[in-house]
Amino acid sequence: MHSILMLQVQVVPVLLLPPLFVSGLPVAYSQTKLVLVPHPLFTHRRKNIPSRQGMWGIWEVFIDTIVVCSMTALVILTTGALGTGETGADLTTAAFNRGLPGPGGYIILISIVFFAYTTMLTWCFYGEKSWEYILGSKVVVPYRILFLAFLFIGAIGGLEVVWDIADTLNGLMIAPNLIALIFLAGILAKEKRRLYGQIQSEQRQIS
């Protein structure tokens, strides 16, 4: 009996890996966005080398995913909110209400408002510049009108359906970028060495 129980303890986590991977992958790429198309759009006019821009992108992912998401997960686990049956923002709100009775829920509410507002602005800008590059400036006004229409649909639509559509579209953006990264691996390594050489040269000049 003891051996059967031990076998169950070892097998259950393994069986949980596929659903955890499937549910965690959309969260990962929606949080990081490092392999999505738009990142170079807001820095392409700056006098910046690609490798340095990539390093800043890695730092952004570290803060957003490792620090913020880990802190959120720890709050959920330590407050016992995981057993409430809530999911998504409701789960996080329940956890912060338990950990910080009173201001906890307001902290999450304000954070969600800022996150949603800035996300709408940035993704509108990303899409607008991408379509403008392909079709010219004539597409800007129609794109903004269409974007506002989809904002309304997203606001009144079912949450799970909206997230499923967003995850699918993000996945379609990731695929060509990952393929490009494979073919450009040699150039990436060359740019990294060039950046490290520049940093070492600057440090020698300072010292």
N, C-alpha and C. Protein backbone atom coordinates (compact mmCIF):
# COMPACT_ATOMS: atom_id res chain seq x y z
N MET A 1 0.83 -1.21 0.00
CA MET A 1 0.00 0.00 0.00
C MET A 1 0.86 1.25 0.00
N HIS A 2 1.94 1.20 0.81
CA HIS A 2 2.82 2.36 0.87
C HIS A 2 3.45 2.64 -0.49
N SER A 3 3.84 1.56 -1.19
CA SER A 3 4.47 1.74 -2.50
C SER A 3 3.48 2.29 -3.51
N ILE A 4 2.20 1.88 -3.40
CA ILE A 4 1.19 2.39 -4.33
C ILE A 4 0.96 3.87 -4.11
N LEU A 5 0.90 4.28 -2.82
CA LEU A 5 0.72 5.69 -2.51
C LEU A 5 1.89 6.52 -3.01
N MET A 6 3.11 6.02 -2.83
CA MET A 6 4.28 6.73 -3.31
C MET A 6 4.25 6.86 -4.83
N LEU A 7 3.78 5.79 -5.51
CA LEU A 7 3.69 5.84 -6.97
C LEU A 7 2.68 6.90 -7.40
N GLN A 8 1.55 7.00 -6.67
CA GLN A 8 0.55 8.00 -7.01
C GLN A 8 1.10 9.41 -6.80
N VAL A 9 1.86 9.60 -5.72
CA VAL A 9 2.44 10.92 -5.45
C VAL A 9 3.41 11.32 -6.56
N GLN A 10 4.13 10.33 -7.10
CA GLN A 10 5.11 10.63 -8.15
C GLN A 10 4.45 10.82 -9.51
N VAL A 11 3.34 10.10 -9.76
CA VAL A 11 2.71 10.14 -11.07
C VAL A 11 1.83 11.37 -11.23
N VAL A 12 1.13 11.79 -10.17
CA VAL A 12 0.20 12.91 -10.29
C VAL A 12 0.87 14.18 -10.79
N PRO A 13 2.04 14.60 -10.22
CA PRO A 13 2.68 15.81 -10.76
C PRO A 13 3.04 15.69 -12.22
N VAL A 14 3.45 14.46 -12.65
CA VAL A 14 3.79 14.26 -14.06
C VAL A 14 2.56 14.43 -14.94
N LEU A 15 1.42 13.91 -14.47
CA LEU A 15 0.19 14.04 -15.24
C LEU A 15 -0.28 15.48 -15.32
N LEU A 16 0.12 16.29 -14.33
CA LEU A 16 -0.30 17.68 -14.31
C LEU A 16 0.53 18.56 -15.25
N LEU A 17 1.69 18.04 -15.69
CA LEU A 17 2.58 18.87 -16.50
C LEU A 17 1.97 19.34 -17.80
N PRO A 18 1.31 18.46 -18.62
CA PRO A 18 0.73 18.97 -19.87
C PRO A 18 -0.28 20.08 -19.69
N PRO A 19 -1.30 19.92 -18.80
CA PRO A 19 -2.24 21.05 -18.64
C PRO A 19 -1.59 22.30 -18.08
N LEU A 20 -0.60 22.13 -17.18
CA LEU A 20 0.10 23.30 -16.65
C LEU A 20 0.86 24.00 -17.75
N PHE A 21 1.49 23.20 -18.65
CA PHE A 21 2.24 23.79 -19.76
C PHE A 21 1.30 24.54 -20.70
N VAL A 22 0.15 23.92 -21.02
CA VAL A 22 -0.79 24.53 -21.95
C VAL A 22 -1.36 25.82 -21.37
N SER A 23 -1.69 25.81 -20.06
CA SER A 23 -2.26 27.00 -19.46
C SER A 23 -1.21 28.05 -19.15
N GLY A 24 0.02 27.63 -18.93
CA GLY A 24 1.08 28.58 -18.58
C GLY A 24 1.72 29.24 -19.77
N LEU A 25 1.72 28.56 -20.92
CA LEU A 25 2.38 29.11 -22.11
C LEU A 25 1.76 30.42 -22.58
N PRO A 26 0.41 30.50 -22.69
CA PRO A 26 -0.16 31.80 -23.09
C PRO A 26 0.16 32.91 -22.12
N VAL A 27 0.18 32.58 -20.82
CA VAL A 27 0.52 33.60 -19.82
C VAL A 27 1.95 34.07 -20.02
N ALA A 28 2.84 33.11 -20.31
CA ALA A 28 4.25 33.45 -20.47
C ALA A 28 4.46 34.42 -21.63
N TYR A 29 3.92 34.09 -22.81
CA TYR A 29 4.20 34.99 -23.93
C TYR A 29 3.37 36.26 -23.89
N SER A 30 2.22 36.23 -23.21
CA SER A 30 1.49 37.49 -23.08
C SER A 30 2.17 38.42 -22.09
N GLN A 31 2.91 37.84 -21.13
CA GLN A 31 3.64 38.66 -20.17
C GLN A 31 4.94 39.18 -20.77
N THR A 32 5.68 38.30 -21.44
CA THR A 32 7.01 38.71 -21.89
C THR A 32 6.95 39.54 -23.16
N LYS A 33 6.24 39.02 -24.17
CA LYS A 33 6.13 39.68 -25.47
C LYS A 33 7.49 39.89 -26.13
N LEU A 34 8.49 39.17 -25.64
CA LEU A 34 9.84 39.40 -26.16
C LEU A 34 9.98 38.88 -27.58
N VAL A 35 9.22 37.83 -27.93
CA VAL A 35 9.36 37.27 -29.27
C VAL A 35 8.21 37.70 -30.17
N LEU A 36 7.46 38.72 -29.77
CA LEU A 36 6.41 39.24 -30.64
C LEU A 36 6.97 40.31 -31.55
N VAL A 37 6.23 40.62 -32.58
CA VAL A 37 6.70 41.54 -33.63
C VAL A 37 6.99 42.95 -33.14
N PRO A 38 6.14 43.58 -32.31
CA PRO A 38 6.17 45.04 -32.22
C PRO A 38 7.34 45.65 -31.46
N HIS A 39 8.11 44.87 -30.70
CA HIS A 39 9.09 45.47 -29.82
C HIS A 39 10.01 46.49 -30.48
N PRO A 40 10.54 46.25 -31.67
CA PRO A 40 11.46 47.25 -32.26
C PRO A 40 10.78 48.54 -32.67
N LEU A 41 9.44 48.56 -32.71
CA LEU A 41 8.76 49.73 -33.25
C LEU A 41 9.00 50.99 -32.45
N PHE A 42 9.10 50.84 -31.12
CA PHE A 42 9.21 52.06 -30.32
C PHE A 42 10.67 52.45 -30.09
N THR A 43 11.62 51.72 -30.68
CA THR A 43 13.03 52.10 -30.51
C THR A 43 13.76 52.22 -31.85
N HIS A 44 13.03 52.01 -32.97
CA HIS A 44 13.73 51.98 -34.25
C HIS A 44 14.26 53.35 -34.65
N ARG A 45 13.73 54.42 -34.08
CA ARG A 45 14.20 55.76 -34.42
C ARG A 45 15.32 56.23 -33.49
N ARG A 46 15.54 55.48 -32.42
CA ARG A 46 16.59 55.88 -31.49
C ARG A 46 17.95 55.40 -31.98
N LYS A 47 19.00 56.12 -31.59
CA LYS A 47 20.35 55.71 -31.95
C LYS A 47 20.78 54.63 -30.97
N ASN A 48 20.37 53.41 -31.26
CA ASN A 48 20.60 52.31 -30.35
C ASN A 48 20.98 51.07 -31.15
N ILE A 49 21.94 50.30 -30.67
CA ILE A 49 22.33 49.09 -31.38
C ILE A 49 21.39 47.96 -30.99
N PRO A 50 21.12 47.03 -31.91
CA PRO A 50 20.11 45.98 -31.65
C PRO A 50 20.41 45.14 -30.42
N SER A 51 21.69 44.81 -30.20
CA SER A 51 22.04 43.95 -29.06
C SER A 51 21.74 44.65 -27.73
N ARG A 52 22.01 45.94 -27.65
CA ARG A 52 21.70 46.67 -26.42
C ARG A 52 20.18 46.73 -26.20
N GLN A 53 19.44 46.94 -27.28
CA GLN A 53 17.99 46.93 -27.19
C GLN A 53 17.49 45.58 -26.70
N GLY A 54 18.12 44.49 -27.19
CA GLY A 54 17.73 43.16 -26.74
C GLY A 54 18.00 42.94 -25.27
N MET A 55 19.10 43.49 -24.76
CA MET A 55 19.41 43.36 -23.34
C MET A 55 18.36 44.06 -22.49
N TRP A 56 17.92 45.23 -22.94
CA TRP A 56 16.86 45.92 -22.21
C TRP A 56 15.57 45.11 -22.25
N GLY A 57 15.32 44.44 -23.39
CA GLY A 57 14.14 43.59 -23.48
C GLY A 57 14.18 42.44 -22.50
N ILE A 58 15.37 41.83 -22.32
CA ILE A 58 15.53 40.75 -21.36
C ILE A 58 15.27 41.25 -19.94
N TRP A 59 15.78 42.44 -19.62
CA TRP A 59 15.58 43.00 -18.29
C TRP A 59 14.09 43.26 -18.04
N GLU A 60 13.40 43.74 -19.06
CA GLU A 60 11.95 43.96 -18.94
C GLU A 60 11.22 42.66 -18.62
N VAL A 61 11.60 41.59 -19.33
CA VAL A 61 10.98 40.28 -19.09
C VAL A 61 11.26 39.80 -17.67
N PHE A 62 12.48 40.01 -17.19
CA PHE A 62 12.84 39.59 -15.83
C PHE A 62 11.96 40.28 -14.79
N ILE A 63 11.81 41.60 -14.92
CA ILE A 63 11.00 42.35 -13.95
C ILE A 63 9.54 41.91 -14.01
N ASP A 64 9.02 41.82 -15.24
CA ASP A 64 7.60 41.53 -15.41
C ASP A 64 7.25 40.11 -15.00
N THR A 65 8.05 39.14 -15.45
CA THR A 65 7.71 37.74 -15.23
C THR A 65 8.27 37.19 -13.93
N ILE A 66 9.59 37.32 -13.73
CA ILE A 66 10.21 36.71 -12.56
C ILE A 66 9.81 37.44 -11.28
N VAL A 67 9.84 38.75 -11.29
CA VAL A 67 9.57 39.52 -10.07
C VAL A 67 8.07 39.67 -9.83
N VAL A 68 7.36 40.32 -10.76
CA VAL A 68 5.94 40.64 -10.54
C VAL A 68 5.09 39.38 -10.46
N CYS A 69 5.24 38.48 -11.44
CA CYS A 69 4.41 37.27 -11.45
C CYS A 69 4.73 36.36 -10.28
N SER A 70 6.02 36.26 -9.91
CA SER A 70 6.38 35.43 -8.76
C SER A 70 5.80 36.00 -7.46
N MET A 71 5.85 37.33 -7.31
CA MET A 71 5.26 37.95 -6.12
C MET A 71 3.76 37.68 -6.05
N THR A 72 3.09 37.78 -7.20
CA THR A 72 1.65 37.51 -7.24
C THR A 72 1.35 36.07 -6.86
N ALA A 73 2.13 35.13 -7.42
CA ALA A 73 1.93 33.71 -7.11
C ALA A 73 2.17 33.43 -5.63
N LEU A 74 3.20 34.05 -5.04
CA LEU A 74 3.49 33.84 -3.63
C LEU A 74 2.36 34.36 -2.74
N VAL A 75 1.79 35.51 -3.11
CA VAL A 75 0.66 36.05 -2.35
C VAL A 75 -0.52 35.10 -2.40
N ILE A 76 -0.80 34.56 -3.59
CA ILE A 76 -1.92 33.63 -3.74
C ILE A 76 -1.70 32.36 -2.91
N LEU A 77 -0.47 31.85 -2.93
CA LEU A 77 -0.19 30.60 -2.22
C LEU A 77 -0.16 30.79 -0.70
N THR A 78 0.44 31.88 -0.26
CA THR A 78 0.60 32.07 1.19
C THR A 78 -0.68 32.51 1.88
N THR A 79 -1.60 33.12 1.16
CA THR A 79 -2.85 33.56 1.78
C THR A 79 -3.93 32.49 1.72
N GLY A 80 -3.68 31.41 1.00
CA GLY A 80 -4.67 30.35 0.89
C GLY A 80 -5.80 30.65 -0.07
N ALA A 81 -5.64 31.68 -0.90
CA ALA A 81 -6.72 32.06 -1.83
C ALA A 81 -6.89 31.06 -2.95
N LEU A 82 -5.90 30.18 -3.14
CA LEU A 82 -5.98 29.22 -4.23
C LEU A 82 -7.17 28.27 -4.06
N GLY A 83 -7.57 28.05 -2.82
CA GLY A 83 -8.68 27.13 -2.57
C GLY A 83 -10.05 27.76 -2.64
N THR A 84 -10.12 29.03 -3.03
CA THR A 84 -11.42 29.71 -3.08
C THR A 84 -12.21 29.37 -4.33
N GLY A 85 -11.55 28.81 -5.33
CA GLY A 85 -12.22 28.50 -6.58
C GLY A 85 -12.24 29.64 -7.58
N GLU A 86 -11.69 30.79 -7.18
CA GLU A 86 -11.63 31.93 -8.09
C GLU A 86 -10.50 31.76 -9.09
N THR A 87 -10.57 32.48 -10.20
CA THR A 87 -9.52 32.43 -11.21
C THR A 87 -9.22 33.84 -11.69
N GLY A 88 -8.08 33.99 -12.35
CA GLY A 88 -7.73 35.26 -12.97
C GLY A 88 -7.62 36.40 -11.99
N ALA A 89 -8.14 37.55 -12.40
CA ALA A 89 -8.07 38.75 -11.57
C ALA A 89 -8.84 38.58 -10.27
N ASP A 90 -9.94 37.82 -10.30
CA ASP A 90 -10.71 37.59 -9.07
C ASP A 90 -9.88 36.83 -8.03
N LEU A 91 -9.06 35.88 -8.50
CA LEU A 91 -8.20 35.13 -7.59
C LEU A 91 -7.15 36.05 -6.96
N THR A 92 -6.53 36.88 -7.77
CA THR A 92 -5.52 37.82 -7.26
C THR A 92 -6.14 38.81 -6.28
N THR A 93 -7.33 39.30 -6.61
CA THR A 93 -8.02 40.23 -5.71
C THR A 93 -8.34 39.57 -4.38
N ALA A 94 -8.82 38.32 -4.43
CA ALA A 94 -9.13 37.60 -3.19
C ALA A 94 -7.88 37.40 -2.34
N ALA A 95 -6.75 37.12 -2.99
CA ALA A 95 -5.50 36.92 -2.26
C ALA A 95 -5.05 38.20 -1.59
N PHE A 96 -5.10 39.32 -2.30
CA PHE A 96 -4.67 40.59 -1.71
C PHE A 96 -5.65 41.08 -0.65
N ASN A 97 -6.91 40.76 -0.80
CA ASN A 97 -7.88 41.11 0.25
C ASN A 97 -7.60 40.35 1.54
N ARG A 98 -7.12 39.12 1.38
CA ARG A 98 -6.76 38.34 2.56
C ARG A 98 -5.45 38.82 3.18
N GLY A 99 -4.49 39.12 2.33
CA GLY A 99 -3.19 39.54 2.84
C GLY A 99 -3.19 40.97 3.34
N LEU A 100 -3.95 41.84 2.67
CA LEU A 100 -4.05 43.25 3.07
C LEU A 100 -5.52 43.63 3.15
N PRO A 101 -6.21 43.22 4.19
CA PRO A 101 -7.64 43.54 4.30
C PRO A 101 -7.88 45.05 4.21
N GLY A 102 -8.74 45.42 3.29
CA GLY A 102 -9.02 46.85 3.10
C GLY A 102 -8.39 47.37 1.82
N PRO A 103 -7.10 47.73 1.87
CA PRO A 103 -6.48 48.31 0.66
C PRO A 103 -6.10 47.28 -0.39
N GLY A 104 -6.06 45.99 -0.05
CA GLY A 104 -5.60 44.96 -0.98
C GLY A 104 -6.36 44.95 -2.29
N GLY A 105 -7.69 44.95 -2.20
CA GLY A 105 -8.51 44.92 -3.41
C GLY A 105 -8.34 46.17 -4.26
N TYR A 106 -8.17 47.30 -3.60
CA TYR A 106 -7.99 48.56 -4.34
C TYR A 106 -6.65 48.59 -5.08
N ILE A 107 -5.64 47.98 -4.48
CA ILE A 107 -4.34 47.91 -5.14
C ILE A 107 -4.46 47.15 -6.47
N ILE A 108 -5.15 46.01 -6.43
CA ILE A 108 -5.34 45.22 -7.65
C ILE A 108 -6.20 45.97 -8.66
N LEU A 109 -7.26 46.63 -8.18
CA LEU A 109 -8.14 47.38 -9.09
C LEU A 109 -7.38 48.47 -9.83
N ILE A 110 -6.59 49.25 -9.09
CA ILE A 110 -5.81 50.32 -9.72
C ILE A 110 -4.78 49.75 -10.69
N SER A 111 -4.14 48.64 -10.29
CA SER A 111 -3.14 48.01 -11.16
C SER A 111 -3.77 47.53 -12.45
N ILE A 112 -4.96 46.92 -12.36
CA ILE A 112 -5.63 46.41 -13.56
C ILE A 112 -6.03 47.56 -14.48
N VAL A 113 -6.51 48.66 -13.91
CA VAL A 113 -6.89 49.81 -14.72
C VAL A 113 -5.70 50.35 -15.50
N PHE A 114 -4.56 50.52 -14.82
CA PHE A 114 -3.36 51.02 -15.50
C PHE A 114 -2.86 50.02 -16.53
N PHE A 115 -2.89 48.73 -16.18
CA PHE A 115 -2.42 47.70 -17.10
C PHE A 115 -3.29 47.68 -18.36
N ALA A 116 -4.62 47.70 -18.18
CA ALA A 116 -5.52 47.63 -19.32
C ALA A 116 -5.39 48.87 -20.20
N TYR A 117 -5.30 50.04 -19.59
CA TYR A 117 -5.23 51.29 -20.36
C TYR A 117 -3.93 51.37 -21.16
N THR A 118 -2.80 51.10 -20.50
CA THR A 118 -1.53 51.17 -21.21
C THR A 118 -1.42 50.08 -22.27
N THR A 119 -2.00 48.91 -22.02
CA THR A 119 -1.97 47.84 -23.01
C THR A 119 -2.76 48.24 -24.25
N MET A 120 -3.93 48.86 -24.06
CA MET A 120 -4.72 49.32 -25.21
C MET A 120 -3.95 50.34 -26.04
N LEU A 121 -3.29 51.28 -25.36
CA LEU A 121 -2.55 52.32 -26.09
C LEU A 121 -1.38 51.72 -26.87
N THR A 122 -0.60 50.88 -26.22
CA THR A 122 0.60 50.34 -26.87
C THR A 122 0.25 49.41 -28.02
N TRP A 123 -0.74 48.54 -27.82
CA TRP A 123 -1.09 47.62 -28.90
C TRP A 123 -1.75 48.34 -30.06
N CYS A 124 -2.49 49.40 -29.78
CA CYS A 124 -3.03 50.21 -30.86
C CYS A 124 -1.89 50.83 -31.67
N PHE A 125 -0.89 51.34 -30.98
CA PHE A 125 0.26 51.95 -31.65
C PHE A 125 1.03 50.91 -32.47
N TYR A 126 1.25 49.73 -31.86
CA TYR A 126 1.98 48.66 -32.57
C TYR A 126 1.27 48.28 -33.87
N GLY A 127 -0.04 48.01 -33.77
CA GLY A 127 -0.79 47.60 -34.96
C GLY A 127 -0.86 48.70 -36.00
N GLU A 128 -1.05 49.93 -35.53
CA GLU A 128 -1.14 51.06 -36.46
C GLU A 128 0.15 51.22 -37.26
N LYS A 129 1.28 51.17 -36.58
CA LYS A 129 2.56 51.35 -37.28
C LYS A 129 2.85 50.18 -38.21
N SER A 130 2.43 48.98 -37.84
CA SER A 130 2.66 47.82 -38.70
C SER A 130 1.84 47.93 -39.98
N TRP A 131 0.55 48.28 -39.84
CA TRP A 131 -0.29 48.42 -41.03
C TRP A 131 0.12 49.63 -41.86
N GLU A 132 0.56 50.70 -41.19
CA GLU A 132 1.03 51.87 -41.92
C GLU A 132 2.27 51.54 -42.76
N TYR A 133 3.13 50.70 -42.24
CA TYR A 133 4.32 50.28 -42.97
C TYR A 133 3.95 49.48 -44.22
N ILE A 134 2.88 48.68 -44.11
CA ILE A 134 2.48 47.82 -45.22
C ILE A 134 1.64 48.58 -46.25
N LEU A 135 0.65 49.37 -45.79
CA LEU A 135 -0.32 49.98 -46.70
C LEU A 135 -0.21 51.50 -46.81
N GLY A 136 0.63 52.12 -45.99
CA GLY A 136 0.77 53.57 -46.05
C GLY A 136 -0.12 54.28 -45.05
N SER A 137 0.00 55.61 -45.00
CA SER A 137 -0.70 56.41 -43.99
C SER A 137 -2.23 56.41 -44.17
N LYS A 138 -2.71 56.04 -45.33
CA LYS A 138 -4.16 56.04 -45.58
C LYS A 138 -4.90 55.04 -44.70
N VAL A 139 -4.21 54.06 -44.14
CA VAL A 139 -4.86 53.03 -43.35
C VAL A 139 -5.01 53.42 -41.88
N VAL A 140 -4.40 54.52 -41.46
CA VAL A 140 -4.36 54.87 -40.04
C VAL A 140 -5.76 55.10 -39.47
N VAL A 141 -6.55 55.97 -40.10
CA VAL A 141 -7.88 56.29 -39.56
C VAL A 141 -8.80 55.06 -39.58
N PRO A 142 -8.90 54.32 -40.69
CA PRO A 142 -9.73 53.10 -40.66
C PRO A 142 -9.28 52.11 -39.59
N TYR A 143 -7.96 51.99 -39.40
CA TYR A 143 -7.46 51.07 -38.38
C TYR A 143 -7.91 51.50 -36.99
N ARG A 144 -7.83 52.80 -36.69
CA ARG A 144 -8.24 53.27 -35.37
C ARG A 144 -9.71 53.03 -35.12
N ILE A 145 -10.54 53.25 -36.14
CA ILE A 145 -11.97 52.99 -36.00
C ILE A 145 -12.23 51.51 -35.74
N LEU A 146 -11.54 50.65 -36.50
CA LEU A 146 -11.69 49.21 -36.32
C LEU A 146 -11.19 48.77 -34.94
N PHE A 147 -10.12 49.38 -34.49
CA PHE A 147 -9.57 49.05 -33.17
C PHE A 147 -10.57 49.41 -32.06
N LEU A 148 -11.19 50.59 -32.18
CA LEU A 148 -12.19 51.00 -31.20
C LEU A 148 -13.39 50.05 -31.19
N ALA A 149 -13.76 49.57 -32.37
CA ALA A 149 -14.88 48.63 -32.46
C ALA A 149 -14.54 47.32 -31.74
N PHE A 150 -13.31 46.84 -31.95
CA PHE A 150 -12.91 45.60 -31.29
C PHE A 150 -12.73 45.80 -29.79
N LEU A 151 -12.36 47.00 -29.35
CA LEU A 151 -12.31 47.28 -27.92
C LEU A 151 -13.69 47.12 -27.29
N PHE A 152 -14.71 47.62 -27.98
CA PHE A 152 -16.08 47.50 -27.47
C PHE A 152 -16.50 46.04 -27.42
N ILE A 153 -16.19 45.28 -28.48
CA ILE A 153 -16.54 43.86 -28.51
C ILE A 153 -15.82 43.11 -27.39
N GLY A 154 -14.54 43.44 -27.18
CA GLY A 154 -13.79 42.78 -26.12
C GLY A 154 -14.33 43.10 -24.74
N ALA A 155 -14.86 44.31 -24.58
CA ALA A 155 -15.36 44.72 -23.27
C ALA A 155 -16.66 44.02 -22.90
N ILE A 156 -17.49 43.74 -23.89
CA ILE A 156 -18.79 43.12 -23.60
C ILE A 156 -18.80 41.62 -23.89
N GLY A 157 -17.74 41.11 -24.53
CA GLY A 157 -17.69 39.69 -24.89
C GLY A 157 -17.34 38.81 -23.70
N GLY A 158 -17.50 37.51 -23.89
CA GLY A 158 -17.15 36.56 -22.84
C GLY A 158 -15.65 36.57 -22.58
N LEU A 159 -15.26 36.53 -21.31
CA LEU A 159 -13.85 36.65 -20.94
C LEU A 159 -13.01 35.52 -21.52
N GLU A 160 -13.49 34.29 -21.40
CA GLU A 160 -12.71 33.15 -21.88
C GLU A 160 -12.55 33.19 -23.40
N VAL A 161 -13.62 33.58 -24.10
CA VAL A 161 -13.55 33.64 -25.57
C VAL A 161 -12.56 34.72 -26.01
N VAL A 162 -12.61 35.87 -25.36
CA VAL A 162 -11.70 36.97 -25.71
C VAL A 162 -10.25 36.55 -25.48
N TRP A 163 -9.98 35.91 -24.34
CA TRP A 163 -8.61 35.48 -24.04
C TRP A 163 -8.15 34.39 -25.02
N ASP A 164 -9.05 33.48 -25.38
CA ASP A 164 -8.68 32.43 -26.35
C ASP A 164 -8.30 33.04 -27.69
N ILE A 165 -9.07 34.02 -28.13
CA ILE A 165 -8.76 34.70 -29.40
C ILE A 165 -7.42 35.43 -29.30
N ALA A 166 -7.20 36.13 -28.17
CA ALA A 166 -5.95 36.86 -27.98
C ALA A 166 -4.76 35.90 -27.95
N ASP A 167 -4.90 34.77 -27.27
CA ASP A 167 -3.82 33.79 -27.21
C ASP A 167 -3.51 33.22 -28.59
N THR A 168 -4.56 32.96 -29.37
CA THR A 168 -4.36 32.43 -30.73
C THR A 168 -3.62 33.42 -31.61
N LEU A 169 -4.03 34.69 -31.57
CA LEU A 169 -3.39 35.71 -32.39
C LEU A 169 -1.94 35.94 -31.95
N ASN A 170 -1.69 35.92 -30.63
CA ASN A 170 -0.31 36.05 -30.14
C ASN A 170 0.54 34.89 -30.62
N GLY A 171 -0.04 33.69 -30.60
CA GLY A 171 0.70 32.52 -31.08
C GLY A 171 1.05 32.63 -32.55
N LEU A 172 0.13 33.19 -33.35
CA LEU A 172 0.41 33.38 -34.78
C LEU A 172 1.53 34.39 -35.00
N MET A 173 1.68 35.36 -34.09
CA MET A 173 2.79 36.31 -34.21
C MET A 173 4.11 35.69 -33.78
N ILE A 174 4.04 34.79 -32.80
CA ILE A 174 5.26 34.19 -32.27
C ILE A 174 5.92 33.27 -33.29
N ALA A 175 5.11 32.47 -34.01
CA ALA A 175 5.65 31.44 -34.89
C ALA A 175 6.69 31.97 -35.89
N PRO A 176 6.39 32.99 -36.70
CA PRO A 176 7.41 33.45 -37.65
C PRO A 176 8.64 34.07 -36.97
N ASN A 177 8.43 34.66 -35.80
CA ASN A 177 9.57 35.25 -35.10
C ASN A 177 10.52 34.20 -34.56
N LEU A 178 9.98 33.10 -34.03
CA LEU A 178 10.83 32.02 -33.54
C LEU A 178 11.61 31.38 -34.68
N ILE A 179 10.96 31.22 -35.82
CA ILE A 179 11.65 30.68 -36.99
C ILE A 179 12.79 31.61 -37.41
N ALA A 180 12.52 32.92 -37.41
CA ALA A 180 13.55 33.89 -37.77
C ALA A 180 14.71 33.86 -36.79
N LEU A 181 14.41 33.69 -35.50
CA LEU A 181 15.47 33.63 -34.49
C LEU A 181 16.40 32.45 -34.72
N ILE A 182 15.83 31.33 -35.17
CA ILE A 182 16.67 30.15 -35.45
C ILE A 182 17.65 30.45 -36.59
N PHE A 183 17.15 31.04 -37.66
CA PHE A 183 18.00 31.33 -38.82
C PHE A 183 18.98 32.48 -38.54
N LEU A 184 18.64 33.35 -37.61
CA LEU A 184 19.50 34.50 -37.31
C LEU A 184 20.36 34.28 -36.07
N ALA A 185 20.44 33.02 -35.61
CA ALA A 185 21.19 32.74 -34.38
C ALA A 185 22.65 33.18 -34.49
N GLY A 186 23.26 32.98 -35.66
CA GLY A 186 24.65 33.39 -35.84
C GLY A 186 24.83 34.89 -35.73
N ILE A 187 23.92 35.64 -36.33
CA ILE A 187 23.99 37.10 -36.25
C ILE A 187 23.76 37.57 -34.82
N LEU A 188 22.84 36.91 -34.11
CA LEU A 188 22.59 37.27 -32.71
C LEU A 188 23.84 37.09 -31.86
N ALA A 189 24.54 35.96 -32.07
CA ALA A 189 25.76 35.72 -31.32
C ALA A 189 26.84 36.75 -31.65
N LYS A 190 26.93 37.12 -32.92
CA LYS A 190 27.90 38.13 -33.34
C LYS A 190 27.59 39.49 -32.71
N GLU A 191 26.31 39.88 -32.70
CA GLU A 191 25.92 41.15 -32.10
C GLU A 191 26.19 41.16 -30.59
N LYS A 192 25.95 40.02 -29.94
CA LYS A 192 26.21 39.94 -28.50
C LYS A 192 27.68 40.12 -28.20
N ARG A 193 28.55 39.46 -28.98
CA ARG A 193 30.00 39.62 -28.77
C ARG A 193 30.43 41.06 -29.02
N ARG A 194 29.83 41.69 -30.03
CA ARG A 194 30.19 43.08 -30.33
C ARG A 194 29.78 44.00 -29.18
N LEU A 195 28.61 43.76 -28.59
CA LEU A 195 28.15 44.57 -27.46
C LEU A 195 29.06 44.38 -26.26
N TYR A 196 29.39 43.12 -25.95
CA TYR A 196 30.27 42.86 -24.81
C TYR A 196 31.64 43.51 -25.01
N GLY A 197 32.14 43.47 -26.27
CA GLY A 197 33.41 44.11 -26.55
C GLY A 197 33.34 45.61 -26.36
N GLN A 198 32.22 46.23 -26.75
CA GLN A 198 32.03 47.66 -26.57
C GLN A 198 31.96 48.02 -25.09
N ILE A 199 31.26 47.21 -24.30
CA ILE A 199 31.15 47.47 -22.86
C ILE A 199 32.51 47.36 -22.20
N GLN A 200 33.29 46.34 -22.55
CA GLN A 200 34.62 46.20 -21.98
C GLN A 200 35.53 47.34 -22.35
N SER A 201 35.39 47.82 -23.61
CA SER A 201 36.18 48.96 -24.04
C SER A 201 35.82 50.21 -23.25
N GLU A 202 34.53 50.44 -23.01
CA GLU A 202 34.09 51.60 -22.23
C GLU A 202 34.58 51.50 -20.80
N GLN A 203 34.58 50.29 -20.23
CA GLN A 203 35.05 50.13 -18.85
C GLN A 203 36.55 50.40 -18.74
N ARG A 204 37.31 49.98 -19.76
CA ARG A 204 38.75 50.24 -19.74
C ARG A 204 39.04 51.73 -19.84
N GLN A 205 38.25 52.44 -20.63
CA GLN A 205 38.44 53.88 -20.76
C GLN A 205 38.15 54.61 -19.44
N ILE A 206 37.12 54.13 -18.72
CA ILE A 206 36.78 54.75 -17.44
C ILE A 206 37.86 54.51 -16.39
N SER A 207 38.37 53.26 -16.39
CA SER A 207 39.39 52.92 -15.40
C SER A 207 40.75 53.50 -15.80
